[in-house]
């Protein structure tokens, strides 16, 4: 993934959690970008990320795993599937 795209995911995460990106030092920013979920999130359009993030953010907490899980759950609903693979 490009640096530009991982920066965009970081910026969106900051917007959703109302976190000032300037509060992150270089080591924290690098650690965020190195998380495996960032690449998976970066493959998705911003509109999808924003919708999913708004549904799972709790105050200033938005774990990347929960964010990605919300995107995947929404994809399953759009595809008309449940966890058991049954149609709605």
PDB file of N, CA and C in Angstrom:
ATOM      1  N   UNK A   1       0.844  -1.167   0.000  1.00  0.00           N
ATOM      2  CA  UNK A   1       0.000   0.000   0.000  1.00  0.00           C
ATOM      3  C   UNK A   1       0.892   1.234   0.000  1.00  0.00           C
ATOM      4  N   UNK A   2       0.418   2.248  -0.656  1.00  0.00           N
ATOM      5  CA  UNK A   2       1.200   3.481  -0.729  1.00  0.00           C
ATOM      6  C   UNK A   2       1.191   4.213   0.613  1.00  0.00           C
ATOM      7  N   UNK A   3       2.217   4.995   0.815  1.00  0.00           N
ATOM      8  CA  UNK A   3       2.294   5.822   2.019  1.00  0.00           C
ATOM      9  C   UNK A   3       1.126   6.795   2.052  1.00  0.00           C
ATOM     10  N   UNK A   4       0.771   7.310   0.891  1.00  0.00           N
ATOM     11  CA  UNK A   4      -0.340   8.258   0.805  1.00  0.00           C
ATOM     12  C   UNK A   4      -1.641   7.618   1.291  1.00  0.00           C
ATOM     13  N   UNK A   5      -1.877   6.360   0.897  1.00  0.00           N
ATOM     14  CA  UNK A   5      -3.117   5.692   1.301  1.00  0.00           C
ATOM     15  C   UNK A   5      -3.115   5.379   2.795  1.00  0.00           C
ATOM     16  N   UNK A   6      -1.995   4.922   3.338  1.00  0.00           N
ATOM     17  CA  UNK A   6      -1.954   4.653   4.781  1.00  0.00           C
ATOM     18  C   UNK A   6      -2.106   5.956   5.567  1.00  0.00           C
ATOM     19  N   UNK A   7      -1.589   7.055   5.027  1.00  0.00           N
ATOM     20  CA  UNK A   7      -1.794   8.360   5.664  1.00  0.00           C
ATOM     21  C   UNK A   7      -3.275   8.733   5.653  1.00  0.00           C
ATOM     22  N   UNK A   8      -3.969   8.414   4.556  1.00  0.00           N
ATOM     23  CA  UNK A   8      -5.399   8.717   4.455  1.00  0.00           C
ATOM     24  C   UNK A   8      -6.204   7.906   5.469  1.00  0.00           C
ATOM     25  N   UNK A   9      -5.849   6.640   5.664  1.00  0.00           N
ATOM     26  CA  UNK A   9      -6.528   5.808   6.664  1.00  0.00           C
ATOM     27  C   UNK A   9      -6.293   6.398   8.052  1.00  0.00           C
ATOM     28  N   UNK A  10      -5.072   6.798   8.325  1.00  0.00           N
ATOM     29  CA  UNK A  10      -4.745   7.409   9.615  1.00  0.00           C
ATOM     30  C   UNK A  10      -5.557   8.687   9.823  1.00  0.00           C
ATOM     31  N   UNK A  11      -5.610   9.526   8.815  1.00  0.00           N
ATOM     32  CA  UNK A  11      -6.355  10.782   8.912  1.00  0.00           C
ATOM     33  C   UNK A  11      -7.831  10.521   9.170  1.00  0.00           C
ATOM     34  N   UNK A  12      -8.404   9.555   8.477  1.00  0.00           N
ATOM     35  CA  UNK A  12      -9.812   9.221   8.674  1.00  0.00           C
ATOM     36  C   UNK A  12     -10.040   8.674  10.079  1.00  0.00           C
ATOM     37  N   UNK A  13      -9.134   7.822  10.555  1.00  0.00           N
ATOM     38  CA  UNK A  13      -9.243   7.297  11.921  1.00  0.00           C
ATOM     39  C   UNK A  13      -9.229   8.457  12.918  1.00  0.00           C
ATOM     40  N   UNK A  14      -8.336   9.419  12.702  1.00  0.00           N
ATOM     41  CA  UNK A  14      -8.260  10.581  13.592  1.00  0.00           C
ATOM     42  C   UNK A  14      -9.558  11.384  13.562  1.00  0.00           C
ATOM     43  N   UNK A  15     -10.135  11.567  12.380  1.00  0.00           N
ATOM     44  CA  UNK A  15     -11.401  12.293  12.276  1.00  0.00           C
ATOM     45  C   UNK A  15     -12.506  11.568  13.037  1.00  0.00           C
ATOM     46  N   UNK A  16     -12.593  10.260  12.849  1.00  0.00           N
ATOM     47  CA  UNK A  16     -13.652   9.480  13.491  1.00  0.00           C
ATOM     48  C   UNK A  16     -13.516   9.456  15.008  1.00  0.00           C
ATOM     49  N   UNK A  17     -12.299   9.474  15.499  1.00  0.00           N
ATOM     50  CA  UNK A  17     -12.063   9.408  16.946  1.00  0.00           C
ATOM     51  C   UNK A  17     -11.850  10.787  17.565  1.00  0.00           C
ATOM     52  N   UNK A  18     -11.950  11.827  16.740  1.00  0.00           N
ATOM     53  CA  UNK A  18     -11.726  13.195  17.205  1.00  0.00           C
ATOM     54  C   UNK A  18     -10.364  13.327  17.893  1.00  0.00           C
ATOM     55  N   UNK A  19      -9.365  12.753  17.246  1.00  0.00           N
ATOM     56  CA  UNK A  19      -7.993  12.787  17.747  1.00  0.00           C
ATOM     57  C   UNK A  19      -7.172  13.731  16.877  1.00  0.00           C
ATOM     58  N   UNK A  20      -6.418  14.590  17.496  1.00  0.00           N
ATOM     59  CA  UNK A  20      -5.537  15.499  16.767  1.00  0.00           C
ATOM     60  C   UNK A  20      -4.345  14.697  16.246  1.00  0.00           C
ATOM     61  N   UNK A  21      -4.177  14.594  14.921  1.00  0.00           N
ATOM     62  CA  UNK A  21      -3.049  13.826  14.385  1.00  0.00           C
ATOM     63  C   UNK A  21      -1.698  14.355  14.854  1.00  0.00           C
ATOM     64  N   UNK A  22      -1.642  15.621  15.224  1.00  0.00           N
ATOM     65  CA  UNK A  22      -0.397  16.213  15.688  1.00  0.00           C
ATOM     66  C   UNK A  22       0.068  15.685  17.038  1.00  0.00           C
ATOM     67  N   UNK A  23      -0.814  14.973  17.743  1.00  0.00           N
ATOM     68  CA  UNK A  23      -0.425  14.416  19.043  1.00  0.00           C
ATOM     69  C   UNK A  23       0.383  13.135  18.892  1.00  0.00           C
ATOM     70  N   UNK A  24       0.473  12.614  17.683  1.00  0.00           N
ATOM     71  CA  UNK A  24       1.242  11.397  17.427  1.00  0.00           C
ATOM     72  C   UNK A  24       2.664  11.773  17.047  1.00  0.00           C
ATOM     73  N   UNK A  25       3.614  11.204  17.741  1.00  0.00           N
ATOM     74  CA  UNK A  25       5.005  11.366  17.358  1.00  0.00           C
ATOM     75  C   UNK A  25       5.329  10.406  16.223  1.00  0.00           C
ATOM     76  N   UNK A  26       6.506  10.538  15.675  1.00  0.00           N
ATOM     77  CA  UNK A  26       6.919   9.671  14.564  1.00  0.00           C
ATOM     78  C   UNK A  26       6.843   8.188  14.917  1.00  0.00           C
ATOM     79  N   UNK A  27       7.274   7.757  16.112  1.00  0.00           N
ATOM     80  CA  UNK A  27       7.195   6.322  16.435  1.00  0.00           C
ATOM     81  C   UNK A  27       5.754   5.805  16.506  1.00  0.00           C
ATOM     82  N   UNK A  28       4.851   6.612  17.104  1.00  0.00           N
ATOM     83  CA  UNK A  28       3.446   6.186  17.197  1.00  0.00           C
ATOM     84  C   UNK A  28       2.794   6.139  15.817  1.00  0.00           C
ATOM     85  N   UNK A  29       3.111   7.119  14.996  1.00  0.00           N
ATOM     86  CA  UNK A  29       2.558   7.155  13.649  1.00  0.00           C
ATOM     87  C   UNK A  29       3.051   5.956  12.841  1.00  0.00           C
ATOM     88  N   UNK A  30       4.320   5.645  12.943  1.00  0.00           N
ATOM     89  CA  UNK A  30       4.878   4.486  12.232  1.00  0.00           C
ATOM     90  C   UNK A  30       4.256   3.192  12.736  1.00  0.00           C
ATOM     91  N   UNK A  31       4.033   3.096  14.043  1.00  0.00           N
ATOM     92  CA  UNK A  31       3.407   1.893  14.607  1.00  0.00           C
ATOM     93  C   UNK A  31       1.978   1.740  14.108  1.00  0.00           C
ATOM     94  N   UNK A  32       1.246   2.840  14.010  1.00  0.00           N
ATOM     95  CA  UNK A  32      -0.121   2.784  13.482  1.00  0.00           C
ATOM     96  C   UNK A  32      -0.104   2.262  12.050  1.00  0.00           C
ATOM     97  N   UNK A  33       0.750   2.855  11.228  1.00  0.00           N
ATOM     98  CA  UNK A  33       0.812   2.467   9.814  1.00  0.00           C
ATOM     99  C   UNK A  33       1.283   1.035   9.624  1.00  0.00           C
ATOM    100  N   UNK A  34       2.034   0.500  10.579  1.00  0.00           N
ATOM    101  CA  UNK A  34       2.564  -0.862  10.458  1.00  0.00           C
ATOM    102  C   UNK A  34       1.547  -1.930  10.853  1.00  0.00           C
ATOM    103  N   UNK A  35       0.439  -1.541  11.460  1.00  0.00           N
ATOM    104  CA  UNK A  35      -0.562  -2.525  11.880  1.00  0.00           C
ATOM    105  C   UNK A  35      -1.123  -3.233  10.653  1.00  0.00           C
ATOM    106  N   UNK A  36      -1.318  -4.547  10.712  1.00  0.00           N
ATOM    107  CA  UNK A  36      -1.790  -5.294   9.539  1.00  0.00           C
ATOM    108  C   UNK A  36      -3.171  -4.867   9.058  1.00  0.00           C
ATOM    109  N   UNK A  37      -4.001  -4.370   9.946  1.00  0.00           N
ATOM    110  CA  UNK A  37      -5.350  -3.966   9.541  1.00  0.00           C
ATOM    111  C   UNK A  37      -5.348  -2.713   8.678  1.00  0.00           C
ATOM    112  N   UNK A  38      -4.311  -1.908   8.786  1.00  0.00           N
ATOM    113  CA  UNK A  38      -4.254  -0.668   8.013  1.00  0.00           C
ATOM    114  C   UNK A  38      -4.231  -0.976   6.523  1.00  0.00           C
ATOM    115  N   UNK A  39      -3.478  -1.981   6.127  1.00  0.00           N
ATOM    116  CA  UNK A  39      -3.430  -2.331   4.705  1.00  0.00           C
ATOM    117  C   UNK A  39      -4.796  -2.800   4.208  1.00  0.00           C
ATOM    118  N   UNK A  40      -5.467  -3.643   4.983  1.00  0.00           N
ATOM    119  CA  UNK A  40      -6.796  -4.120   4.584  1.00  0.00           C
ATOM    120  C   UNK A  40      -7.785  -2.962   4.516  1.00  0.00           C
ATOM    121  N   UNK A  41      -7.715  -2.055   5.473  1.00  0.00           N
ATOM    122  CA  UNK A  41      -8.599  -0.890   5.455  1.00  0.00           C
ATOM    123  C   UNK A  41      -8.274   0.016   4.272  1.00  0.00           C
ATOM    124  N   UNK A  42      -7.012   0.115   3.928  1.00  0.00           N
ATOM    125  CA  UNK A  42      -6.598   0.962   2.820  1.00  0.00           C
ATOM    126  C   UNK A  42      -7.087   0.492   1.467  1.00  0.00           C
ATOM    127  N   UNK A  43      -7.480  -0.766   1.378  1.00  0.00           N
ATOM    128  CA  UNK A  43      -8.009  -1.299   0.121  1.00  0.00           C
ATOM    129  C   UNK A  43      -9.454  -0.882  -0.126  1.00  0.00           C
ATOM    130  N   UNK A  44     -10.079  -0.253   0.851  1.00  0.00           N
ATOM    131  CA  UNK A  44     -11.499   0.084   0.771  1.00  0.00           C
ATOM    132  C   UNK A  44     -11.695   1.577   0.527  1.00  0.00           C
ATOM    133  N   UNK A  45     -12.800   1.939  -0.131  1.00  0.00           N
ATOM    134  CA  UNK A  45     -13.075   3.362  -0.369  1.00  0.00           C
ATOM    135  C   UNK A  45     -13.330   4.112   0.944  1.00  0.00           C
ATOM    136  N   UNK A  46     -12.986   5.373   0.965  1.00  0.00           N
ATOM    137  CA  UNK A  46     -13.182   6.189   2.164  1.00  0.00           C
ATOM    138  C   UNK A  46     -14.638   6.215   2.614  1.00  0.00           C
ATOM    139  N   UNK A  47     -15.577   6.264   1.679  1.00  0.00           N
ATOM    140  CA  UNK A  47     -16.996   6.314   2.053  1.00  0.00           C
ATOM    141  C   UNK A  47     -17.398   5.068   2.836  1.00  0.00           C
ATOM    142  N   UNK A  48     -16.902   3.913   2.431  1.00  0.00           N
ATOM    143  CA  UNK A  48     -17.193   2.664   3.138  1.00  0.00           C
ATOM    144  C   UNK A  48     -16.562   2.705   4.524  1.00  0.00           C
ATOM    145  N   UNK A  49     -15.322   3.162   4.597  1.00  0.00           N
ATOM    146  CA  UNK A  49     -14.636   3.253   5.886  1.00  0.00           C
ATOM    147  C   UNK A  49     -15.344   4.220   6.826  1.00  0.00           C
ATOM    148  N   UNK A  50     -15.778   5.334   6.301  1.00  0.00           N
ATOM    149  CA  UNK A  50     -16.453   6.334   7.137  1.00  0.00           C
ATOM    150  C   UNK A  50     -17.768   5.775   7.679  1.00  0.00           C
ATOM    151  N   UNK A  51     -18.576   5.163   6.818  1.00  0.00           N
ATOM    152  CA  UNK A  51     -19.852   4.586   7.267  1.00  0.00           C
ATOM    153  C   UNK A  51     -19.629   3.533   8.340  1.00  0.00           C
ATOM    154  N   UNK A  52     -18.715   2.618   8.097  1.00  0.00           N
ATOM    155  CA  UNK A  52     -18.449   1.553   9.065  1.00  0.00           C
ATOM    156  C   UNK A  52     -17.874   2.125  10.353  1.00  0.00           C
ATOM    157  N   UNK A  53     -16.964   3.064  10.229  1.00  0.00           N
ATOM    158  CA  UNK A  53     -16.350   3.667  11.407  1.00  0.00           C
ATOM    159  C   UNK A  53     -17.351   4.407  12.272  1.00  0.00           C
ATOM    160  N   UNK A  54     -18.265   5.128  11.637  1.00  0.00           N
ATOM    161  CA  UNK A  54     -19.279   5.860  12.396  1.00  0.00           C
ATOM    162  C   UNK A  54     -20.186   4.914  13.168  1.00  0.00           C
ATOM    163  N   UNK A  55     -20.358   3.704  12.671  1.00  0.00           N
ATOM    164  CA  UNK A  55     -21.217   2.727  13.338  1.00  0.00           C
ATOM    165  C   UNK A  55     -20.543   2.040  14.510  1.00  0.00           C
ATOM    166  N   UNK A  56     -19.231   1.988  14.548  1.00  0.00           N
ATOM    167  CA  UNK A  56     -18.556   1.236  15.616  1.00  0.00           C
ATOM    168  C   UNK A  56     -17.686   2.084  16.538  1.00  0.00           C
ATOM    169  N   UNK A  57     -17.479   3.343  16.206  1.00  0.00           N
ATOM    170  CA  UNK A  57     -16.665   4.188  17.088  1.00  0.00           C
ATOM    171  C   UNK A  57     -17.406   4.385  18.410  1.00  0.00           C
ATOM    172  N   UNK A  58     -16.668   4.328  19.482  1.00  0.00           N
ATOM    173  CA  UNK A  58     -17.229   4.541  20.818  1.00  0.00           C
ATOM    174  C   UNK A  58     -16.425   5.657  21.472  1.00  0.00           C
ATOM    175  N   UNK A  59     -16.986   6.848  21.452  1.00  0.00           N
ATOM    176  CA  UNK A  59     -16.246   7.987  21.992  1.00  0.00           C
ATOM    177  C   UNK A  59     -15.009   8.233  21.153  1.00  0.00           C
ATOM    178  N   UNK A  60     -13.860   8.045  21.763  1.00  0.00           N
ATOM    179  CA  UNK A  60     -12.603   8.236  21.043  1.00  0.00           C
ATOM    180  C   UNK A  60     -11.919   6.913  20.773  1.00  0.00           C
ATOM    181  N   UNK A  61     -12.666   5.821  20.901  1.00  0.00           N
ATOM    182  CA  UNK A  61     -12.089   4.489  20.704  1.00  0.00           C
ATOM    183  C   UNK A  61     -12.599   3.873  19.407  1.00  0.00           C
ATOM    184  N   UNK A  62     -11.681   3.511  18.556  1.00  0.00           N
ATOM    185  CA  UNK A  62     -12.014   2.820  17.315  1.00  0.00           C
ATOM    186  C   UNK A  62     -10.896   1.835  17.008  1.00  0.00           C
ATOM    187  N   UNK A  63     -10.945   0.654  17.649  1.00  0.00           N
ATOM    188  CA  UNK A  63      -9.928  -0.351  17.336  1.00  0.00           C
ATOM    189  C   UNK A  63      -9.995  -0.730  15.856  1.00  0.00           C
ATOM    190  N   UNK A  64      -8.847  -0.863  15.235  1.00  0.00           N
ATOM    191  CA  UNK A  64      -8.812  -1.179  13.807  1.00  0.00           C
ATOM    192  C   UNK A  64      -9.505  -2.498  13.512  1.00  0.00           C
ATOM    193  N   UNK A  65      -9.395  -3.463  14.419  1.00  0.00           N
ATOM    194  CA  UNK A  65     -10.026  -4.764  14.212  1.00  0.00           C
ATOM    195  C   UNK A  65     -11.546  -4.610  14.134  1.00  0.00           C
ATOM    196  N   UNK A  66     -12.105  -3.778  15.017  1.00  0.00           N
ATOM    197  CA  UNK A  66     -13.555  -3.567  15.029  1.00  0.00           C
ATOM    198  C   UNK A  66     -13.983  -2.810  13.773  1.00  0.00           C
ATOM    199  N   UNK A  67     -13.178  -1.860  13.340  1.00  0.00           N
ATOM    200  CA  UNK A  67     -13.472  -1.086  12.145  1.00  0.00           C
ATOM    201  C   UNK A  67     -13.525  -2.008  10.929  1.00  0.00           C
ATOM    202  N   UNK A  68     -12.513  -2.843  10.777  1.00  0.00           N
ATOM    203  CA  UNK A  68     -12.477  -3.775   9.655  1.00  0.00           C
ATOM    204  C   UNK A  68     -13.615  -4.785   9.759  1.00  0.00           C
ATOM    205  N   UNK A  69     -13.917  -5.248  10.959  1.00  0.00           N
ATOM    206  CA  UNK A  69     -15.025  -6.180  11.160  1.00  0.00           C
ATOM    207  C   UNK A  69     -16.353  -5.580  10.742  1.00  0.00           C
ATOM    208  N   UNK A  70     -16.554  -4.299  11.015  1.00  0.00           N
ATOM    209  CA  UNK A  70     -17.796  -3.630  10.620  1.00  0.00           C
ATOM    210  C   UNK A  70     -17.915  -3.547   9.107  1.00  0.00           C
ATOM    211  N   UNK A  71     -16.801  -3.306   8.435  1.00  0.00           N
ATOM    212  CA  UNK A  71     -16.813  -3.271   6.968  1.00  0.00           C
ATOM    213  C   UNK A  71     -17.191  -4.642   6.426  1.00  0.00           C
ATOM    214  N   UNK A  72     -16.590  -5.677   6.965  1.00  0.00           N
ATOM    215  CA  UNK A  72     -16.873  -7.037   6.496  1.00  0.00           C
ATOM    216  C   UNK A  72     -18.312  -7.436   6.781  1.00  0.00           C
ATOM    217  N   UNK A  73     -18.839  -7.058   7.940  1.00  0.00           N
ATOM    218  CA  UNK A  73     -20.230  -7.374   8.274  1.00  0.00           C
ATOM    219  C   UNK A  73     -21.181  -6.664   7.316  1.00  0.00           C
ATOM    220  N   UNK A  74     -20.893  -5.412   7.005  1.00  0.00           N
ATOM    221  CA  UNK A  74     -21.736  -4.670   6.070  1.00  0.00           C
ATOM    222  C   UNK A  74     -21.696  -5.306   4.689  1.00  0.00           C
ATOM    223  N   UNK A  75     -20.539  -5.793   4.273  1.00  0.00           N
ATOM    224  CA  UNK A  75     -20.430  -6.480   2.983  1.00  0.00           C
ATOM    225  C   UNK A  75     -21.303  -7.724   2.956  1.00  0.00           C
ATOM    226  N   UNK A  76     -21.321  -8.469   4.051  1.00  0.00           N
ATOM    227  CA  UNK A  76     -22.139  -9.680   4.114  1.00  0.00           C
ATOM    228  C   UNK A  76     -23.620  -9.338   4.043  1.00  0.00           C
ATOM    229  N   UNK A  77     -24.024  -8.292   4.724  1.00  0.00           N
ATOM    230  CA  UNK A  77     -25.429  -7.885   4.682  1.00  0.00           C
ATOM    231  C   UNK A  77     -25.800  -7.452   3.270  1.00  0.00           C
ATOM    232  N   UNK A  78     -24.930  -6.674   2.641  1.00  0.00           N
ATOM    233  CA  UNK A  78     -25.214  -6.239   1.267  1.00  0.00           C
ATOM    234  C   UNK A  78     -25.298  -7.420   0.316  1.00  0.00           C
ATOM    235  N   UNK A  79     -24.543  -8.454   0.586  1.00  0.00           N
ATOM    236  CA  UNK A  79     -24.567  -9.642  -0.274  1.00  0.00           C
ATOM    237  C   UNK A  79     -25.743 -10.556   0.070  1.00  0.00           C
ATOM    238  N   UNK A  80     -26.508 -10.209   1.105  1.00  0.00           N
ATOM    239  CA  UNK A  80     -27.674 -10.998   1.465  1.00  0.00           C
ATOM    240  C   UNK A  80     -27.336 -12.279   2.200  1.00  0.00           C
ATOM    241  N   UNK A  81     -26.237 -12.269   2.949  1.00  0.00           N
ATOM    242  CA  UNK A  81     -25.815 -13.467   3.669  1.00  0.00           C
ATOM    243  C   UNK A  81     -25.832 -13.206   5.161  1.00  0.00           C
ATOM    244  N   UNK A  82     -25.942 -14.286   5.932  1.00  0.00           N
ATOM    245  CA  UNK A  82     -25.733 -14.234   7.371  1.00  0.00           C
ATOM    246  C   UNK A  82     -24.476 -15.026   7.649  1.00  0.00           C
ATOM    247  N   UNK A  83     -24.096 -15.123   8.902  1.00  0.00           N
ATOM    248  CA  UNK A  83     -22.924 -15.922   9.236  1.00  0.00           C
ATOM    249  C   UNK A  83     -23.122 -17.377   8.851  1.00  0.00           C
ATOM    250  N   UNK A  84     -24.340 -17.838   8.890  1.00  0.00           N
ATOM    251  CA  UNK A  84     -24.626 -19.225   8.538  1.00  0.00           C
ATOM    252  C   UNK A  84     -24.751 -19.400   7.028  1.00  0.00           C
ATOM    253  N   UNK A  85     -24.629 -18.322   6.289  1.00  0.00           N
ATOM    254  CA  UNK A  85     -24.713 -18.409   4.839  1.00  0.00           C
ATOM    255  C   UNK A  85     -26.135 -18.484   4.316  1.00  0.00           C
ATOM    256  N   UNK A  86     -27.110 -18.141   5.141  1.00  0.00           N
ATOM    257  CA  UNK A  86     -28.510 -18.204   4.727  1.00  0.00           C
ATOM    258  C   UNK A  86     -28.927 -16.870   4.127  1.00  0.00           C
ATOM    259  N   UNK A  87     -29.872 -16.941   3.223  1.00  0.00           N
ATOM    260  CA  UNK A  87     -30.414 -15.728   2.623  1.00  0.00           C
ATOM    261  C   UNK A  87     -31.388 -15.062   3.585  1.00  0.00           C
ATOM    262  N   UNK A  88     -31.470 -13.735   3.538  1.00  0.00           N
ATOM    263  CA  UNK A  88     -32.471 -13.011   4.326  1.00  0.00           C
ATOM    264  C   UNK A  88     -33.817 -13.182   3.679  1.00  0.00           C
TER     265      UNK A  88
END
